[in-house]
N, C-alpha and C. Protein backbone atom coordinates (compact mmCIF):
# COMPACT_ATOMS: atom_id res chain seq x y z
N ARG A 1 109.67 79.87 71.28
CA ARG A 1 110.40 81.13 71.17
C ARG A 1 110.50 81.58 69.71
N GLU A 2 110.64 80.64 68.85
CA GLU A 2 110.66 80.98 67.42
C GLU A 2 109.32 81.56 67.00
N ALA A 3 108.23 81.00 67.54
CA ALA A 3 106.89 81.50 67.22
C ALA A 3 106.69 82.90 67.79
N ILE A 4 107.20 83.15 69.00
CA ILE A 4 107.10 84.47 69.61
C ILE A 4 107.83 85.49 68.74
N ALA A 5 109.01 85.13 68.27
CA ALA A 5 109.78 86.03 67.41
C ALA A 5 109.03 86.33 66.12
N ARG A 6 108.36 85.32 65.58
CA ARG A 6 107.61 85.51 64.34
C ARG A 6 106.44 86.46 64.54
N VAL A 7 105.73 86.30 65.66
CA VAL A 7 104.60 87.19 65.97
C VAL A 7 105.10 88.61 66.21
N ALA A 8 106.23 88.73 66.89
CA ALA A 8 106.78 90.06 67.17
C ALA A 8 107.13 90.80 65.88
N ARG A 9 107.67 90.08 64.92
CA ARG A 9 107.98 90.70 63.63
C ARG A 9 106.70 91.12 62.90
N GLU A 10 105.71 90.25 62.96
CA GLU A 10 104.46 90.52 62.24
C GLU A 10 103.78 91.77 62.76
N TYR A 11 103.82 91.98 64.08
CA TYR A 11 103.12 93.12 64.68
C TYR A 11 104.07 94.23 65.15
N ASN A 12 105.33 94.13 64.74
CA ASN A 12 106.33 95.16 65.06
C ASN A 12 106.43 95.42 66.56
N VAL A 13 106.61 94.35 67.32
CA VAL A 13 106.70 94.40 68.77
C VAL A 13 108.17 94.29 69.20
N ILE A 14 108.57 95.12 70.18
CA ILE A 14 109.90 95.03 70.76
C ILE A 14 109.88 94.02 71.90
N LEU A 15 110.83 93.13 71.95
CA LEU A 15 110.91 92.11 72.99
C LEU A 15 111.97 92.51 74.02
N ILE A 16 111.65 92.37 75.30
CA ILE A 16 112.61 92.61 76.37
C ILE A 16 112.81 91.30 77.11
N GLU A 17 114.02 90.81 77.10
CA GLU A 17 114.33 89.49 77.66
C GLU A 17 115.14 89.64 78.95
N ASP A 18 114.59 89.11 80.04
CA ASP A 18 115.25 89.14 81.35
C ASP A 18 116.14 87.91 81.48
N ASP A 19 117.45 88.12 81.44
CA ASP A 19 118.39 87.00 81.54
C ASP A 19 119.29 87.15 82.77
N LEU A 20 118.75 87.78 83.83
CA LEU A 20 119.56 88.04 85.03
C LEU A 20 120.02 86.76 85.71
N TYR A 21 119.22 85.70 85.62
CA TYR A 21 119.62 84.43 86.23
C TYR A 21 120.23 83.47 85.20
N GLY A 22 120.33 83.91 83.97
CA GLY A 22 120.80 83.02 82.91
C GLY A 22 122.20 82.48 83.14
N ASP A 23 123.08 83.29 83.74
CA ASP A 23 124.46 82.85 83.95
C ASP A 23 124.59 81.77 85.02
N LEU A 24 123.54 81.53 85.78
CA LEU A 24 123.59 80.49 86.80
C LEU A 24 123.29 79.11 86.23
N THR A 25 122.67 79.06 85.08
CA THR A 25 122.20 77.79 84.55
C THR A 25 123.02 77.35 83.33
N ASP A 26 122.89 76.08 83.04
CA ASP A 26 123.50 75.53 81.82
C ASP A 26 122.42 75.23 80.79
N ASP A 27 121.29 75.91 80.91
CA ASP A 27 120.16 75.68 80.02
C ASP A 27 120.55 76.05 78.58
N PRO A 28 120.48 75.10 77.66
CA PRO A 28 120.86 75.38 76.27
C PRO A 28 119.79 76.08 75.45
N THR A 29 118.63 76.38 76.06
CA THR A 29 117.55 77.02 75.32
C THR A 29 118.02 78.34 74.74
N PRO A 30 117.88 78.56 73.43
CA PRO A 30 118.34 79.83 72.83
C PRO A 30 117.56 81.02 73.37
N LEU A 31 118.22 82.15 73.49
CA LEU A 31 117.55 83.38 73.87
C LEU A 31 116.64 83.85 72.74
N LEU A 32 115.64 84.62 73.09
CA LEU A 32 114.80 85.24 72.06
C LEU A 32 115.64 86.09 71.12
N ALA A 33 116.70 86.67 71.66
CA ALA A 33 117.57 87.52 70.85
C ALA A 33 118.22 86.76 69.71
N GLU A 34 118.35 85.44 69.85
CA GLU A 34 118.93 84.64 68.77
C GLU A 34 117.94 84.45 67.63
N TYR A 35 116.65 84.56 67.94
CA TYR A 35 115.62 84.42 66.91
C TYR A 35 115.22 85.77 66.31
N ALA A 36 115.30 86.82 67.11
CA ALA A 36 114.89 88.14 66.62
C ALA A 36 115.88 89.20 67.14
N PRO A 37 117.11 89.16 66.70
CA PRO A 37 118.13 90.09 67.22
C PRO A 37 117.84 91.55 66.90
N GLU A 38 117.08 91.79 65.85
CA GLU A 38 116.82 93.17 65.43
C GLU A 38 115.77 93.87 66.28
N ARG A 39 115.08 93.11 67.20
CA ARG A 39 114.01 93.72 67.99
C ARG A 39 114.00 93.21 69.44
N THR A 40 115.11 92.66 69.89
CA THR A 40 115.16 92.12 71.24
C THR A 40 116.20 92.86 72.07
N ILE A 41 115.79 93.27 73.28
CA ILE A 41 116.69 93.89 74.25
C ILE A 41 116.89 92.89 75.39
N VAL A 42 118.14 92.52 75.66
CA VAL A 42 118.47 91.52 76.68
C VAL A 42 119.07 92.21 77.90
N ALA A 43 118.50 91.92 79.09
CA ALA A 43 119.01 92.50 80.34
C ALA A 43 119.82 91.45 81.10
N GLY A 44 121.01 91.85 81.53
CA GLY A 44 121.87 90.97 82.32
C GLY A 44 122.49 91.76 83.46
N GLY A 45 123.17 91.08 84.36
CA GLY A 45 123.78 91.79 85.47
C GLY A 45 124.56 90.85 86.37
N LEU A 46 125.18 91.42 87.41
CA LEU A 46 126.01 90.66 88.33
C LEU A 46 125.33 90.36 89.66
N SER A 47 124.29 91.11 90.01
CA SER A 47 123.73 90.99 91.36
C SER A 47 123.09 89.64 91.63
N LYS A 48 122.58 88.96 90.61
CA LYS A 48 121.92 87.67 90.83
C LYS A 48 122.89 86.50 90.73
N SER A 49 123.86 86.58 89.84
CA SER A 49 124.73 85.44 89.60
C SER A 49 126.08 85.54 90.30
N VAL A 50 126.44 86.73 90.80
CA VAL A 50 127.75 86.91 91.42
C VAL A 50 127.60 87.30 92.89
N ALA A 51 127.05 88.48 93.16
CA ALA A 51 126.87 88.94 94.54
C ALA A 51 125.78 90.00 94.57
N ALA A 52 124.90 89.92 95.57
CA ALA A 52 123.75 90.82 95.63
C ALA A 52 124.17 92.28 95.73
N GLY A 53 125.30 92.54 96.38
CA GLY A 53 125.74 93.93 96.56
C GLY A 53 126.36 94.55 95.34
N VAL A 54 126.65 93.75 94.34
CA VAL A 54 127.26 94.27 93.11
C VAL A 54 126.13 94.62 92.15
N ARG A 55 125.62 95.84 92.29
CA ARG A 55 124.41 96.22 91.57
C ARG A 55 124.74 96.82 90.20
N GLY A 56 125.48 96.08 89.44
CA GLY A 56 125.82 96.52 88.09
C GLY A 56 125.18 95.62 87.05
N GLY A 57 124.64 96.20 86.01
CA GLY A 57 123.99 95.42 84.98
C GLY A 57 124.22 96.01 83.61
N TRP A 58 123.63 95.41 82.61
CA TRP A 58 123.83 95.88 81.25
C TRP A 58 122.63 95.48 80.39
N LEU A 59 122.51 96.16 79.29
CA LEU A 59 121.51 95.83 78.27
C LEU A 59 122.22 95.62 76.95
N ALA A 60 121.86 94.56 76.27
CA ALA A 60 122.32 94.33 74.91
C ALA A 60 121.13 94.60 73.99
N CYS A 61 121.30 95.48 73.03
CA CYS A 61 120.16 95.90 72.22
C CYS A 61 120.59 96.13 70.77
N PRO A 62 119.63 96.19 69.86
CA PRO A 62 119.94 96.56 68.48
C PRO A 62 120.53 97.97 68.45
N PRO A 63 121.47 98.23 67.57
CA PRO A 63 122.12 99.54 67.51
C PRO A 63 121.14 100.72 67.40
N ALA A 64 120.01 100.50 66.76
CA ALA A 64 119.06 101.59 66.56
C ALA A 64 118.48 102.11 67.87
N TYR A 65 118.50 101.28 68.92
CA TYR A 65 117.92 101.68 70.21
C TYR A 65 118.96 102.13 71.23
N ARG A 66 120.23 102.05 70.88
CA ARG A 66 121.29 102.28 71.86
C ARG A 66 121.22 103.67 72.49
N HIS A 67 121.10 104.70 71.65
CA HIS A 67 121.11 106.06 72.17
C HIS A 67 119.89 106.33 73.04
N ARG A 68 118.71 105.89 72.60
CA ARG A 68 117.50 106.14 73.36
C ARG A 68 117.54 105.43 74.72
N ILE A 69 118.10 104.23 74.76
CA ILE A 69 118.19 103.49 76.02
C ILE A 69 119.15 104.19 76.97
N ARG A 70 120.26 104.69 76.46
CA ARG A 70 121.22 105.40 77.32
C ARG A 70 120.59 106.67 77.91
N VAL A 71 119.84 107.40 77.10
CA VAL A 71 119.18 108.61 77.58
C VAL A 71 118.12 108.26 78.63
N ALA A 72 117.30 107.23 78.35
CA ALA A 72 116.25 106.82 79.28
C ALA A 72 116.86 106.37 80.61
N HIS A 73 117.93 105.60 80.55
CA HIS A 73 118.59 105.13 81.76
C HIS A 73 119.13 106.30 82.58
N LYS A 74 119.73 107.26 81.90
CA LYS A 74 120.28 108.42 82.60
C LYS A 74 119.17 109.23 83.27
N MET A 75 118.04 109.41 82.58
CA MET A 75 116.94 110.21 83.13
C MET A 75 116.25 109.50 84.29
N LEU A 76 116.17 108.17 84.23
CA LEU A 76 115.46 107.41 85.26
C LEU A 76 116.31 107.19 86.50
N THR A 77 117.62 107.00 86.32
CA THR A 77 118.46 106.58 87.44
C THR A 77 119.55 107.58 87.81
N GLY A 78 119.84 108.50 86.94
CA GLY A 78 120.98 109.38 87.17
C GLY A 78 122.29 108.77 86.71
N GLY A 79 122.24 107.53 86.27
CA GLY A 79 123.43 106.85 85.78
C GLY A 79 124.07 105.98 86.85
N LEU A 80 124.82 105.00 86.42
CA LEU A 80 125.52 104.10 87.33
C LEU A 80 126.70 104.82 87.96
N PRO A 81 126.84 104.80 89.29
CA PRO A 81 127.98 105.46 89.92
C PRO A 81 129.30 104.93 89.36
N PHE A 82 130.26 105.83 89.16
CA PHE A 82 131.52 105.44 88.54
C PHE A 82 132.22 104.35 89.33
N LEU A 83 132.26 104.48 90.66
CA LEU A 83 132.98 103.51 91.49
C LEU A 83 132.38 102.12 91.34
N LEU A 84 131.03 102.04 91.31
CA LEU A 84 130.38 100.75 91.15
C LEU A 84 130.67 100.16 89.78
N ALA A 85 130.65 101.00 88.76
CA ALA A 85 130.97 100.53 87.41
C ALA A 85 132.39 100.00 87.35
N GLU A 86 133.31 100.67 88.03
CA GLU A 86 134.71 100.24 88.04
C GLU A 86 134.86 98.89 88.77
N VAL A 87 134.16 98.73 89.89
CA VAL A 87 134.21 97.46 90.63
C VAL A 87 133.69 96.32 89.75
N CYS A 88 132.56 96.56 89.09
CA CYS A 88 131.98 95.53 88.21
C CYS A 88 132.96 95.16 87.10
N SER A 89 133.56 96.15 86.48
CA SER A 89 134.49 95.91 85.38
C SER A 89 135.69 95.10 85.85
N ARG A 90 136.24 95.47 87.00
CA ARG A 90 137.43 94.76 87.50
C ARG A 90 137.10 93.33 87.88
N LEU A 91 135.92 93.12 88.47
CA LEU A 91 135.53 91.76 88.82
C LEU A 91 135.43 90.88 87.58
N VAL A 92 134.83 91.42 86.53
CA VAL A 92 134.65 90.63 85.30
C VAL A 92 135.99 90.41 84.60
N LEU A 93 136.76 91.47 84.41
CA LEU A 93 138.00 91.37 83.64
C LEU A 93 139.08 90.56 84.35
N SER A 94 139.05 90.54 85.68
CA SER A 94 140.05 89.79 86.44
C SER A 94 139.70 88.31 86.57
N GLY A 95 138.49 87.96 86.25
CA GLY A 95 138.04 86.58 86.42
C GLY A 95 137.43 86.29 87.78
N GLN A 96 137.47 87.27 88.70
CA GLN A 96 136.91 87.05 90.03
C GLN A 96 135.40 86.86 89.99
N ALA A 97 134.73 87.53 89.06
CA ALA A 97 133.28 87.36 88.95
C ALA A 97 132.92 85.90 88.65
N SER A 98 133.68 85.27 87.78
CA SER A 98 133.43 83.85 87.45
C SER A 98 133.68 82.96 88.66
N GLU A 99 134.72 83.26 89.42
CA GLU A 99 135.01 82.47 90.62
C GLU A 99 133.89 82.62 91.65
N MET A 100 133.42 83.83 91.85
CA MET A 100 132.33 84.07 92.80
C MET A 100 131.06 83.39 92.33
N ARG A 101 130.82 83.43 91.02
CA ARG A 101 129.64 82.77 90.46
C ARG A 101 129.70 81.27 90.74
N ASN A 102 130.87 80.66 90.54
CA ASN A 102 131.00 79.23 90.77
C ASN A 102 130.78 78.87 92.24
N ARG A 103 131.26 79.70 93.15
CA ARG A 103 131.05 79.44 94.58
C ARG A 103 129.56 79.59 94.92
N SER A 104 128.91 80.57 94.30
CA SER A 104 127.48 80.76 94.52
C SER A 104 126.69 79.53 94.08
N ILE A 105 127.06 78.97 92.94
CA ILE A 105 126.35 77.80 92.42
C ILE A 105 126.51 76.61 93.37
N VAL A 106 127.71 76.41 93.90
CA VAL A 106 127.93 75.32 94.86
C VAL A 106 127.04 75.49 96.08
N GLU A 107 126.97 76.72 96.61
CA GLU A 107 126.16 76.98 97.80
C GLU A 107 124.67 76.82 97.50
N ILE A 108 124.23 77.33 96.36
CA ILE A 108 122.81 77.20 95.99
C ILE A 108 122.43 75.72 95.90
N ASN A 109 123.26 74.91 95.26
CA ASN A 109 122.92 73.49 95.09
C ASN A 109 122.91 72.75 96.43
N ALA A 110 123.78 73.15 97.36
CA ALA A 110 123.76 72.54 98.69
C ALA A 110 122.44 72.85 99.39
N ARG A 111 121.94 74.06 99.20
CA ARG A 111 120.69 74.46 99.83
C ARG A 111 119.48 73.82 99.15
N ILE A 112 119.54 73.70 97.82
CA ILE A 112 118.47 73.02 97.10
C ILE A 112 118.40 71.56 97.51
N ALA A 113 119.55 70.95 97.80
CA ALA A 113 119.56 69.56 98.26
C ALA A 113 118.82 69.42 99.59
N ILE A 114 118.96 70.41 100.47
CA ILE A 114 118.23 70.41 101.74
C ILE A 114 116.73 70.45 101.47
N VAL A 115 116.32 71.30 100.51
CA VAL A 115 114.90 71.42 100.17
C VAL A 115 114.38 70.09 99.63
N ARG A 116 115.13 69.48 98.73
CA ARG A 116 114.66 68.23 98.12
C ARG A 116 114.51 67.13 99.16
N GLU A 117 115.42 67.07 100.10
CA GLU A 117 115.34 66.05 101.13
C GLU A 117 114.17 66.32 102.08
N THR A 118 114.00 67.56 102.48
CA THR A 118 112.98 67.90 103.46
C THR A 118 111.57 67.79 102.90
N LEU A 119 111.39 68.19 101.64
CA LEU A 119 110.06 68.20 101.04
C LEU A 119 109.77 66.96 100.19
N ALA A 120 110.57 65.94 100.34
CA ALA A 120 110.36 64.70 99.58
C ALA A 120 108.94 64.19 99.79
N GLY A 121 108.29 63.84 98.69
CA GLY A 121 106.92 63.35 98.75
C GLY A 121 105.88 64.39 98.38
N PHE A 122 106.29 65.67 98.35
CA PHE A 122 105.38 66.74 97.94
C PHE A 122 105.71 67.19 96.52
N ASP A 123 104.78 67.90 95.92
CA ASP A 123 104.91 68.33 94.53
C ASP A 123 105.59 69.70 94.49
N PHE A 124 106.84 69.72 94.11
CA PHE A 124 107.56 70.99 94.00
C PHE A 124 108.53 70.92 92.83
N LYS A 125 108.95 72.09 92.39
CA LYS A 125 109.89 72.17 91.28
C LYS A 125 111.12 72.95 91.72
N ALA A 126 112.26 72.28 91.72
CA ALA A 126 113.54 72.90 92.04
C ALA A 126 114.52 72.55 90.93
N VAL A 127 115.22 73.54 90.44
CA VAL A 127 116.16 73.36 89.33
C VAL A 127 117.57 73.59 89.85
N ASP A 128 118.50 72.75 89.43
CA ASP A 128 119.89 72.94 89.84
C ASP A 128 120.37 74.35 89.49
N ASN A 129 121.17 74.92 90.40
CA ASN A 129 121.81 76.24 90.22
C ASN A 129 120.88 77.43 90.41
N VAL A 130 119.59 77.20 90.54
CA VAL A 130 118.62 78.30 90.63
C VAL A 130 118.08 78.38 92.06
N PRO A 131 118.15 79.56 92.71
CA PRO A 131 117.84 79.65 94.14
C PRO A 131 116.36 79.85 94.47
N PHE A 132 115.46 79.29 93.66
CA PHE A 132 114.02 79.43 93.92
C PHE A 132 113.36 78.06 93.82
N VAL A 133 112.28 77.91 94.57
CA VAL A 133 111.52 76.67 94.55
C VAL A 133 110.04 77.01 94.40
N TRP A 134 109.37 76.34 93.48
CA TRP A 134 107.92 76.45 93.35
C TRP A 134 107.29 75.22 93.99
N LEU A 135 106.37 75.46 94.90
CA LEU A 135 105.72 74.38 95.63
C LEU A 135 104.23 74.39 95.34
N THR A 136 103.70 73.26 94.86
CA THR A 136 102.25 73.11 94.66
C THR A 136 101.65 72.61 95.96
N LEU A 137 100.66 73.34 96.46
CA LEU A 137 100.09 73.05 97.78
C LEU A 137 99.03 71.95 97.71
N PRO A 138 99.06 71.05 98.67
CA PRO A 138 98.00 70.03 98.73
C PRO A 138 96.70 70.64 99.24
N ASP A 139 95.59 70.00 98.92
CA ASP A 139 94.29 70.42 99.42
C ASP A 139 94.28 70.30 100.95
N PRO A 140 93.72 71.25 101.69
CA PRO A 140 92.87 72.36 101.25
C PRO A 140 93.59 73.72 101.26
N TRP A 141 94.90 73.73 101.23
CA TRP A 141 95.64 74.99 101.34
C TRP A 141 95.38 75.92 100.15
N LEU A 142 95.22 77.22 100.43
CA LEU A 142 95.24 78.28 99.44
C LEU A 142 96.58 78.98 99.57
N SER A 143 97.08 79.54 98.48
CA SER A 143 98.43 80.11 98.51
C SER A 143 98.55 81.27 99.49
N GLY A 144 97.54 82.15 99.54
CA GLY A 144 97.59 83.28 100.46
C GLY A 144 97.54 82.85 101.90
N THR A 145 96.72 81.85 102.19
CA THR A 145 96.61 81.34 103.55
C THR A 145 97.91 80.67 103.98
N PHE A 146 98.50 79.93 103.08
CA PHE A 146 99.76 79.25 103.41
C PHE A 146 100.88 80.27 103.64
N LYS A 147 100.89 81.32 102.84
CA LYS A 147 101.88 82.39 103.04
C LYS A 147 101.75 82.99 104.44
N ASN A 148 100.51 83.27 104.87
CA ASN A 148 100.28 83.83 106.20
C ASN A 148 100.69 82.86 107.31
N ALA A 149 100.40 81.58 107.10
CA ALA A 149 100.78 80.58 108.09
C ALA A 149 102.30 80.52 108.26
N CYS A 150 103.02 80.56 107.14
CA CYS A 150 104.48 80.54 107.19
C CYS A 150 105.02 81.79 107.88
N LEU A 151 104.40 82.93 107.57
CA LEU A 151 104.86 84.19 108.16
C LEU A 151 104.71 84.19 109.68
N GLU A 152 103.63 83.57 110.17
CA GLU A 152 103.43 83.48 111.61
C GLU A 152 104.53 82.67 112.30
N HIS A 153 105.21 81.83 111.51
CA HIS A 153 106.31 81.03 112.06
C HIS A 153 107.67 81.58 111.62
N GLY A 154 107.69 82.82 111.14
CA GLY A 154 108.95 83.47 110.81
C GLY A 154 109.54 83.12 109.47
N VAL A 155 108.74 82.55 108.57
CA VAL A 155 109.24 82.16 107.24
C VAL A 155 108.51 82.99 106.19
N LEU A 156 109.27 83.71 105.41
CA LEU A 156 108.70 84.60 104.40
C LEU A 156 108.74 83.93 103.03
N ILE A 157 107.57 83.76 102.42
CA ILE A 157 107.46 83.19 101.09
C ILE A 157 106.53 84.08 100.26
N ASP A 158 106.40 83.79 98.98
CA ASP A 158 105.52 84.53 98.09
C ASP A 158 104.37 83.64 97.64
N ASP A 159 103.14 84.19 97.69
CA ASP A 159 102.03 83.44 97.10
C ASP A 159 102.00 83.68 95.60
N GLU A 160 101.16 82.94 94.91
CA GLU A 160 101.17 82.99 93.45
C GLU A 160 100.71 84.33 92.89
N ASP A 161 99.92 85.09 93.67
CA ASP A 161 99.44 86.37 93.17
C ASP A 161 100.57 87.37 92.92
N GLU A 162 101.71 87.18 93.59
CA GLU A 162 102.85 88.07 93.39
C GLU A 162 103.34 88.03 91.95
N PHE A 163 103.03 86.96 91.23
CA PHE A 163 103.59 86.76 89.90
C PHE A 163 102.54 86.85 88.79
N LYS A 164 101.37 87.39 89.14
CA LYS A 164 100.32 87.59 88.15
C LYS A 164 100.26 89.07 87.78
N ALA A 165 100.07 89.33 86.51
CA ALA A 165 100.02 90.72 86.03
C ALA A 165 98.73 91.41 86.43
N GLY A 166 97.70 90.64 86.70
CA GLY A 166 96.41 91.20 87.08
C GLY A 166 95.48 90.09 87.53
N ARG A 167 94.21 90.41 87.69
CA ARG A 167 93.24 89.41 88.11
C ARG A 167 93.14 88.30 87.07
N SER A 168 92.98 87.09 87.56
CA SER A 168 92.91 85.95 86.65
C SER A 168 92.03 84.87 87.26
N GLU A 169 91.31 84.17 86.41
CA GLU A 169 90.52 83.05 86.88
C GLU A 169 91.38 81.80 87.04
N GLN A 170 92.60 81.85 86.54
CA GLN A 170 93.49 80.70 86.61
C GLN A 170 94.17 80.66 87.98
N VAL A 171 94.02 79.55 88.67
CA VAL A 171 94.59 79.38 90.01
C VAL A 171 95.46 78.13 90.01
N PHE A 172 96.66 78.26 90.58
CA PHE A 172 97.60 77.14 90.58
C PHE A 172 97.82 76.56 91.98
N HIS A 173 97.35 77.27 93.02
CA HIS A 173 97.53 76.83 94.41
C HIS A 173 99.00 76.54 94.68
N GLY A 174 99.84 77.51 94.33
CA GLY A 174 101.27 77.34 94.52
C GLY A 174 101.91 78.53 95.21
N VAL A 175 103.08 78.30 95.77
CA VAL A 175 103.87 79.36 96.40
C VAL A 175 105.31 79.23 95.91
N ARG A 176 106.06 80.33 96.08
CA ARG A 176 107.47 80.31 95.70
C ARG A 176 108.30 80.82 96.88
N PHE A 177 109.44 80.20 97.10
CA PHE A 177 110.36 80.71 98.11
C PHE A 177 111.79 80.59 97.62
N GLY A 178 112.64 81.44 98.16
CA GLY A 178 114.04 81.46 97.77
C GLY A 178 114.93 80.88 98.85
N VAL A 179 116.16 80.51 98.47
CA VAL A 179 117.10 79.91 99.42
C VAL A 179 118.40 80.68 99.53
N SER A 180 118.49 81.82 98.87
CA SER A 180 119.77 82.52 98.83
C SER A 180 119.93 83.59 99.91
N GLN A 181 118.83 84.09 100.49
CA GLN A 181 118.94 85.22 101.40
C GLN A 181 119.53 84.87 102.77
N PRO A 182 119.08 83.79 103.43
CA PRO A 182 119.64 83.48 104.75
C PRO A 182 121.15 83.25 104.68
N SER A 183 121.86 83.64 105.71
CA SER A 183 123.33 83.56 105.69
C SER A 183 123.85 82.16 105.96
N ARG A 184 123.03 81.30 106.60
CA ARG A 184 123.51 79.97 106.96
C ARG A 184 122.59 78.88 106.42
N ARG A 185 123.18 77.73 106.13
CA ARG A 185 122.38 76.61 105.67
C ARG A 185 121.42 76.14 106.76
N GLU A 186 121.81 76.30 108.02
CA GLU A 186 120.94 75.91 109.11
C GLU A 186 119.62 76.67 109.08
N ASP A 187 119.68 77.94 108.64
CA ASP A 187 118.46 78.73 108.53
C ASP A 187 117.55 78.18 107.44
N ILE A 188 118.16 77.72 106.35
CA ILE A 188 117.38 77.10 105.27
C ILE A 188 116.68 75.85 105.79
N ALA A 189 117.43 75.01 106.50
CA ALA A 189 116.85 73.77 107.02
C ALA A 189 115.70 74.08 107.97
N GLY A 190 115.87 75.09 108.81
CA GLY A 190 114.80 75.44 109.74
C GLY A 190 113.57 75.96 109.04
N GLY A 191 113.77 76.83 108.04
CA GLY A 191 112.63 77.40 107.31
C GLY A 191 111.88 76.36 106.51
N VAL A 192 112.62 75.48 105.82
CA VAL A 192 111.96 74.44 105.04
C VAL A 192 111.30 73.43 105.97
N GLY A 193 111.87 73.26 107.16
CA GLY A 193 111.23 72.39 108.14
C GLY A 193 109.87 72.91 108.57
N VAL A 194 109.75 74.23 108.72
CA VAL A 194 108.45 74.83 109.04
C VAL A 194 107.45 74.56 107.91
N ILE A 195 107.91 74.74 106.68
CA ILE A 195 107.03 74.49 105.53
C ILE A 195 106.55 73.04 105.53
N ARG A 196 107.49 72.12 105.78
CA ARG A 196 107.14 70.70 105.79
C ARG A 196 106.12 70.40 106.89
N ARG A 197 106.31 70.96 108.07
CA ARG A 197 105.40 70.70 109.17
C ARG A 197 103.99 71.20 108.85
N LEU A 198 103.90 72.40 108.27
CA LEU A 198 102.60 72.93 107.90
C LEU A 198 101.92 72.08 106.84
N LEU A 199 102.69 71.58 105.90
CA LEU A 199 102.13 70.71 104.87
C LEU A 199 101.62 69.41 105.48
N ASP A 200 102.38 68.87 106.43
CA ASP A 200 101.97 67.61 107.07
C ASP A 200 100.72 67.79 107.92
N GLU A 201 100.63 68.92 108.62
CA GLU A 201 99.51 69.14 109.54
C GLU A 201 98.26 69.64 108.83
N GLY A 202 98.43 70.23 107.64
CA GLY A 202 97.28 70.79 106.95
C GLY A 202 96.79 72.05 107.63
N ARG A 203 95.58 72.45 107.33
CA ARG A 203 95.05 73.69 107.88
C ARG A 203 94.96 73.66 109.41
N ALA A 204 94.93 72.46 109.97
CA ALA A 204 94.85 72.38 111.44
C ALA A 204 96.07 73.01 112.10
N GLY A 205 97.18 73.08 111.35
CA GLY A 205 98.38 73.70 111.89
C GLY A 205 98.34 75.20 111.88
N TYR A 206 97.29 75.76 111.30
CA TYR A 206 97.18 77.23 111.18
C TYR A 206 95.91 77.76 111.80
N ASP A 207 94.82 77.01 111.72
CA ASP A 207 93.54 77.50 112.23
C ASP A 207 93.61 77.77 113.73
N SER A 208 92.88 78.79 114.14
CA SER A 208 92.80 79.12 115.55
C SER A 208 91.40 79.61 115.86
N PHE A 209 91.09 79.72 117.16
CA PHE A 209 89.78 80.18 117.60
C PHE A 209 89.85 81.56 118.21
N SER A 210 90.99 82.25 118.03
CA SER A 210 91.14 83.58 118.63
C SER A 210 90.48 84.63 117.77
């Protein structure tokens, strides 16, 4: 990050840092804004760390960009509705946002524990407090094929192409899925169970002659 900040200064590049999930983690890694505060815009909000329906967010930016960002936001969105802004403010100032965040973290970790138990033995990356899992697929699965196989069984996941900016020769054979959308832990267990079964069966669990 220090090197990125140095390159940004050298070539006069503005950095935009997405920290929407930052409040869920205890990661001590410094933000880019700590290395290059004069050219970094940090985005934060409540919808990821508190509640999905609380669609309020904010940008922290160098003073020189404040007016232009406010104008751009107004032209693009029409501005944040007053009632929503008031709800966000009251949640934060009353301490309720912190309480909701803590309850969210407890629920996320309970669901991640289900994933870790169900997918034990396979190569995946799950981080405490974060509601996403990256799964590296065993041979011969391709990420797009595995996504389609899961969808046929009612489980929606993302293949790796969703996270690429464009065509690339680099292939990771991985997929990503979230655990926060279903309303019940039982739904998480069922969905991850489908993923586990497909991994155990291999392509034979998806191939057909129709």
